[in-house]
Amino acid sequence: MMWKPIVGFVGVLFFFFLLMRTRKHWGKAVEWLSIFWFRIAFSFVLLFALHYLLGFAGLFVPINFFSSLLVALLGIPGVASVLAISIYYNFF
């Protein structure tokens, strides 16, 4: 069973290096990936703070990879949509 993640990782790594055949795009790709991972990490922190603060009001804000990805990609509209889904889930 351990071979599936290894094969998947090697496949993703091969695809990444296939896309980055020239050296001039390497810096841009690494910069984009670092910004993207920072946004995901910050969205986890933001969702945790919302979960903690809104927990006193009885609201449950989910902290998972998909909600964090939504917040990282959309920004403030992502936070608003996660909060709207949370309010709908908790009250209706």
N, C-alpha and C. Protein backbone atom coordinates (compact mmCIF):
# COMPACT_ATOMS: atom_id res chain seq x y z
N MET A 1 0.80 -1.20 0.00
CA MET A 1 0.00 0.00 0.00
C MET A 1 0.85 1.27 0.00
N MET A 2 2.08 1.17 0.45
CA MET A 2 2.94 2.34 0.52
C MET A 2 3.43 2.79 -0.86
N TRP A 3 3.31 1.95 -1.86
CA TRP A 3 3.83 2.30 -3.17
C TRP A 3 2.96 3.33 -3.88
N LYS A 4 1.67 3.43 -3.55
CA LYS A 4 0.79 4.38 -4.24
C LYS A 4 1.19 5.84 -4.01
N PRO A 5 1.43 6.26 -2.77
CA PRO A 5 1.88 7.66 -2.61
C PRO A 5 3.24 7.93 -3.24
N ILE A 6 4.11 6.95 -3.22
CA ILE A 6 5.43 7.14 -3.82
C ILE A 6 5.32 7.30 -5.33
N VAL A 7 4.51 6.46 -5.96
CA VAL A 7 4.31 6.56 -7.41
C VAL A 7 3.64 7.89 -7.75
N GLY A 8 2.68 8.31 -6.95
CA GLY A 8 2.02 9.59 -7.18
C GLY A 8 2.98 10.76 -7.05
N PHE A 9 3.84 10.71 -6.03
CA PHE A 9 4.81 11.77 -5.82
C PHE A 9 5.81 11.83 -6.97
N VAL A 10 6.28 10.68 -7.41
CA VAL A 10 7.23 10.64 -8.53
C VAL A 10 6.56 11.16 -9.80
N GLY A 11 5.29 10.82 -10.01
CA GLY A 11 4.58 11.31 -11.18
C GLY A 11 4.41 12.81 -11.16
N VAL A 12 4.05 13.37 -10.01
CA VAL A 12 3.91 14.82 -9.90
C VAL A 12 5.25 15.51 -10.07
N LEU A 13 6.29 14.93 -9.49
CA LEU A 13 7.63 15.50 -9.63
C LEU A 13 8.09 15.47 -11.10
N PHE A 14 7.82 14.37 -11.80
CA PHE A 14 8.17 14.27 -13.21
C PHE A 14 7.41 15.30 -14.03
N PHE A 15 6.13 15.47 -13.75
CA PHE A 15 5.32 16.45 -14.47
C PHE A 15 5.82 17.87 -14.20
N PHE A 16 6.21 18.14 -12.95
CA PHE A 16 6.73 19.46 -12.60
C PHE A 16 8.02 19.75 -13.36
N PHE A 17 8.93 18.80 -13.40
CA PHE A 17 10.18 19.01 -14.12
C PHE A 17 9.97 19.03 -15.63
N LEU A 18 8.95 18.36 -16.11
CA LEU A 18 8.63 18.42 -17.53
C LEU A 18 8.16 19.81 -17.92
N LEU A 19 7.40 20.43 -17.03
CA LEU A 19 6.96 21.80 -17.30
C LEU A 19 8.09 22.81 -17.21
N MET A 20 9.05 22.54 -16.36
CA MET A 20 10.14 23.47 -16.12
C MET A 20 11.42 23.06 -16.85
N ARG A 21 11.31 22.79 -18.14
CA ARG A 21 12.48 22.34 -18.89
C ARG A 21 13.53 23.43 -19.05
N THR A 22 13.10 24.66 -19.12
CA THR A 22 14.06 25.75 -19.26
C THR A 22 14.32 26.38 -17.90
N ARG A 23 15.51 26.87 -17.71
CA ARG A 23 15.90 27.42 -16.41
C ARG A 23 15.27 28.78 -16.13
N LYS A 24 14.90 29.52 -17.15
CA LYS A 24 14.41 30.88 -16.90
C LYS A 24 13.04 30.88 -16.22
N HIS A 25 12.28 29.81 -16.35
CA HIS A 25 10.97 29.74 -15.69
C HIS A 25 11.06 29.15 -14.29
N TRP A 26 12.19 28.63 -13.92
CA TRP A 26 12.34 27.96 -12.63
C TRP A 26 12.08 28.92 -11.46
N GLY A 27 12.65 30.11 -11.52
CA GLY A 27 12.49 31.08 -10.44
C GLY A 27 11.05 31.53 -10.28
N LYS A 28 10.37 31.74 -11.40
CA LYS A 28 8.97 32.15 -11.34
C LYS A 28 8.10 31.06 -10.72
N ALA A 29 8.36 29.83 -11.09
CA ALA A 29 7.56 28.72 -10.57
C ALA A 29 7.77 28.54 -9.07
N VAL A 30 9.01 28.64 -8.63
CA VAL A 30 9.29 28.50 -7.20
C VAL A 30 8.68 29.66 -6.42
N GLU A 31 8.75 30.86 -6.98
CA GLU A 31 8.14 32.02 -6.32
C GLU A 31 6.63 31.85 -6.22
N TRP A 32 5.99 31.40 -7.30
CA TRP A 32 4.55 31.19 -7.29
C TRP A 32 4.15 30.12 -6.27
N LEU A 33 4.92 29.02 -6.22
CA LEU A 33 4.61 27.96 -5.26
C LEU A 33 4.80 28.44 -3.82
N SER A 34 5.82 29.23 -3.57
CA SER A 34 6.02 29.72 -2.20
C SER A 34 4.91 30.67 -1.78
N ILE A 35 4.46 31.53 -2.68
CA ILE A 35 3.34 32.42 -2.38
C ILE A 35 2.07 31.62 -2.15
N PHE A 36 1.84 30.60 -2.97
CA PHE A 36 0.64 29.78 -2.84
C PHE A 36 0.63 29.03 -1.51
N TRP A 37 1.76 28.43 -1.11
CA TRP A 37 1.80 27.70 0.16
C TRP A 37 1.69 28.65 1.34
N PHE A 38 2.22 29.86 1.22
CA PHE A 38 2.04 30.85 2.29
C PHE A 38 0.58 31.23 2.43
N ARG A 39 -0.11 31.40 1.30
CA ARG A 39 -1.54 31.74 1.37
C ARG A 39 -2.35 30.62 1.99
N ILE A 40 -2.00 29.37 1.69
CA ILE A 40 -2.71 28.24 2.31
C ILE A 40 -2.44 28.21 3.81
N ALA A 41 -1.20 28.42 4.23
CA ALA A 41 -0.87 28.42 5.66
C ALA A 41 -1.59 29.57 6.37
N PHE A 42 -1.61 30.74 5.76
CA PHE A 42 -2.30 31.87 6.38
C PHE A 42 -3.80 31.63 6.44
N SER A 43 -4.36 30.97 5.45
CA SER A 43 -5.80 30.69 5.49
C SER A 43 -6.13 29.69 6.59
N PHE A 44 -5.23 28.73 6.87
CA PHE A 44 -5.44 27.84 8.02
C PHE A 44 -5.46 28.63 9.32
N VAL A 45 -4.54 29.57 9.47
CA VAL A 45 -4.50 30.40 10.68
C VAL A 45 -5.77 31.25 10.79
N LEU A 46 -6.19 31.83 9.68
CA LEU A 46 -7.40 32.65 9.67
C LEU A 46 -8.64 31.82 10.01
N LEU A 47 -8.75 30.63 9.42
CA LEU A 47 -9.90 29.78 9.72
C LEU A 47 -9.88 29.32 11.17
N PHE A 48 -8.70 29.05 11.71
CA PHE A 48 -8.61 28.67 13.12
C PHE A 48 -9.06 29.81 14.02
N ALA A 49 -8.64 31.04 13.70
CA ALA A 49 -9.05 32.20 14.51
C ALA A 49 -10.56 32.40 14.42
N LEU A 50 -11.13 32.25 13.22
CA LEU A 50 -12.58 32.38 13.07
C LEU A 50 -13.30 31.27 13.82
N HIS A 51 -12.78 30.07 13.76
CA HIS A 51 -13.38 28.94 14.47
C HIS A 51 -13.36 29.19 15.98
N TYR A 52 -12.26 29.70 16.46
CA TYR A 52 -12.12 29.95 17.90
C TYR A 52 -13.04 31.10 18.34
N LEU A 53 -13.03 32.21 17.60
CA LEU A 53 -13.81 33.37 18.00
C LEU A 53 -15.31 33.17 17.80
N LEU A 54 -15.70 32.56 16.70
CA LEU A 54 -17.13 32.35 16.46
C LEU A 54 -17.68 31.16 17.23
N GLY A 55 -16.79 30.36 17.81
CA GLY A 55 -17.24 29.26 18.65
C GLY A 55 -17.96 29.74 19.89
N PHE A 56 -17.60 30.93 20.36
CA PHE A 56 -18.29 31.50 21.51
C PHE A 56 -19.73 31.87 21.17
N ALA A 57 -19.99 32.16 19.90
CA ALA A 57 -21.35 32.49 19.46
C ALA A 57 -22.12 31.26 19.03
N GLY A 58 -21.50 30.10 19.08
CA GLY A 58 -22.19 28.86 18.72
C GLY A 58 -22.07 28.49 17.26
N LEU A 59 -21.15 29.12 16.53
CA LEU A 59 -20.96 28.80 15.12
C LEU A 59 -19.79 27.83 14.96
N PHE A 60 -19.93 26.91 14.05
CA PHE A 60 -18.88 25.96 13.73
C PHE A 60 -18.31 26.32 12.37
N VAL A 61 -17.05 26.73 12.33
CA VAL A 61 -16.36 27.04 11.07
C VAL A 61 -15.41 25.88 10.78
N PRO A 62 -15.60 25.19 9.66
CA PRO A 62 -14.75 24.03 9.38
C PRO A 62 -13.31 24.43 9.05
N ILE A 63 -12.39 23.66 9.58
CA ILE A 63 -10.97 23.86 9.28
C ILE A 63 -10.50 22.60 8.58
N ASN A 64 -10.47 22.62 7.27
CA ASN A 64 -9.97 21.49 6.51
C ASN A 64 -9.24 22.02 5.27
N PHE A 65 -8.67 21.12 4.51
CA PHE A 65 -7.86 21.54 3.37
C PHE A 65 -8.70 22.24 2.30
N PHE A 66 -9.93 21.77 2.08
CA PHE A 66 -10.74 22.35 1.02
C PHE A 66 -11.22 23.76 1.35
N SER A 67 -11.61 23.99 2.60
CA SER A 67 -12.00 25.34 2.97
C SER A 67 -10.78 26.27 2.98
N SER A 68 -9.64 25.76 3.38
CA SER A 68 -8.42 26.56 3.34
C SER A 68 -8.01 26.87 1.91
N LEU A 69 -8.17 25.91 1.02
CA LEU A 69 -7.86 26.14 -0.39
C LEU A 69 -8.81 27.18 -0.99
N LEU A 70 -10.08 27.12 -0.60
CA LEU A 70 -11.06 28.10 -1.07
C LEU A 70 -10.68 29.50 -0.61
N VAL A 71 -10.30 29.63 0.65
CA VAL A 71 -9.90 30.94 1.18
C VAL A 71 -8.60 31.40 0.52
N ALA A 72 -7.67 30.49 0.29
CA ALA A 72 -6.39 30.88 -0.32
C ALA A 72 -6.58 31.33 -1.76
N LEU A 73 -7.48 30.70 -2.49
CA LEU A 73 -7.67 31.07 -3.90
C LEU A 73 -8.54 32.30 -4.07
N LEU A 74 -9.60 32.44 -3.25
CA LEU A 74 -10.54 33.53 -3.45
C LEU A 74 -10.30 34.74 -2.57
N GLY A 75 -9.64 34.56 -1.45
CA GLY A 75 -9.38 35.68 -0.55
C GLY A 75 -10.60 36.01 0.29
N ILE A 76 -10.96 37.29 0.33
CA ILE A 76 -12.09 37.74 1.16
C ILE A 76 -13.41 37.11 0.71
N PRO A 77 -13.70 36.99 -0.60
CA PRO A 77 -14.93 36.27 -0.98
C PRO A 77 -14.92 34.81 -0.53
N GLY A 78 -13.76 34.20 -0.45
CA GLY A 78 -13.67 32.83 0.06
C GLY A 78 -14.02 32.75 1.53
N VAL A 79 -13.54 33.73 2.31
CA VAL A 79 -13.89 33.78 3.73
C VAL A 79 -15.39 34.00 3.88
N ALA A 80 -15.95 34.90 3.07
CA ALA A 80 -17.39 35.16 3.14
C ALA A 80 -18.19 33.93 2.78
N SER A 81 -17.74 33.17 1.78
CA SER A 81 -18.49 31.97 1.40
C SER A 81 -18.40 30.88 2.45
N VAL A 82 -17.23 30.72 3.08
CA VAL A 82 -17.09 29.73 4.16
C VAL A 82 -17.98 30.13 5.33
N LEU A 83 -18.01 31.43 5.66
CA LEU A 83 -18.87 31.88 6.75
C LEU A 83 -20.35 31.72 6.40
N ALA A 84 -20.72 32.00 5.15
CA ALA A 84 -22.12 31.83 4.75
C ALA A 84 -22.54 30.37 4.82
N ILE A 85 -21.69 29.48 4.38
CA ILE A 85 -21.99 28.05 4.46
C ILE A 85 -22.08 27.60 5.91
N SER A 86 -21.20 28.14 6.76
CA SER A 86 -21.23 27.79 8.18
C SER A 86 -22.51 28.28 8.85
N ILE A 87 -22.90 29.50 8.54
CA ILE A 87 -24.14 30.04 9.13
C ILE A 87 -25.33 29.24 8.64
N TYR A 88 -25.37 28.92 7.36
CA TYR A 88 -26.48 28.12 6.83
C TYR A 88 -26.52 26.74 7.48
N TYR A 89 -25.36 26.12 7.64
CA TYR A 89 -25.28 24.79 8.23
C TYR A 89 -25.70 24.80 9.69
N ASN A 90 -25.34 25.86 10.43
CA ASN A 90 -25.63 25.91 11.86
C ASN A 90 -27.05 26.33 12.18
N PHE A 91 -27.68 27.13 11.34
CA PHE A 91 -28.98 27.67 11.70
C PHE A 91 -30.15 27.14 10.88
N PHE A 92 -29.89 26.50 9.76
CA PHE A 92 -31.02 26.04 8.94
C PHE A 92 -31.02 24.57 8.78
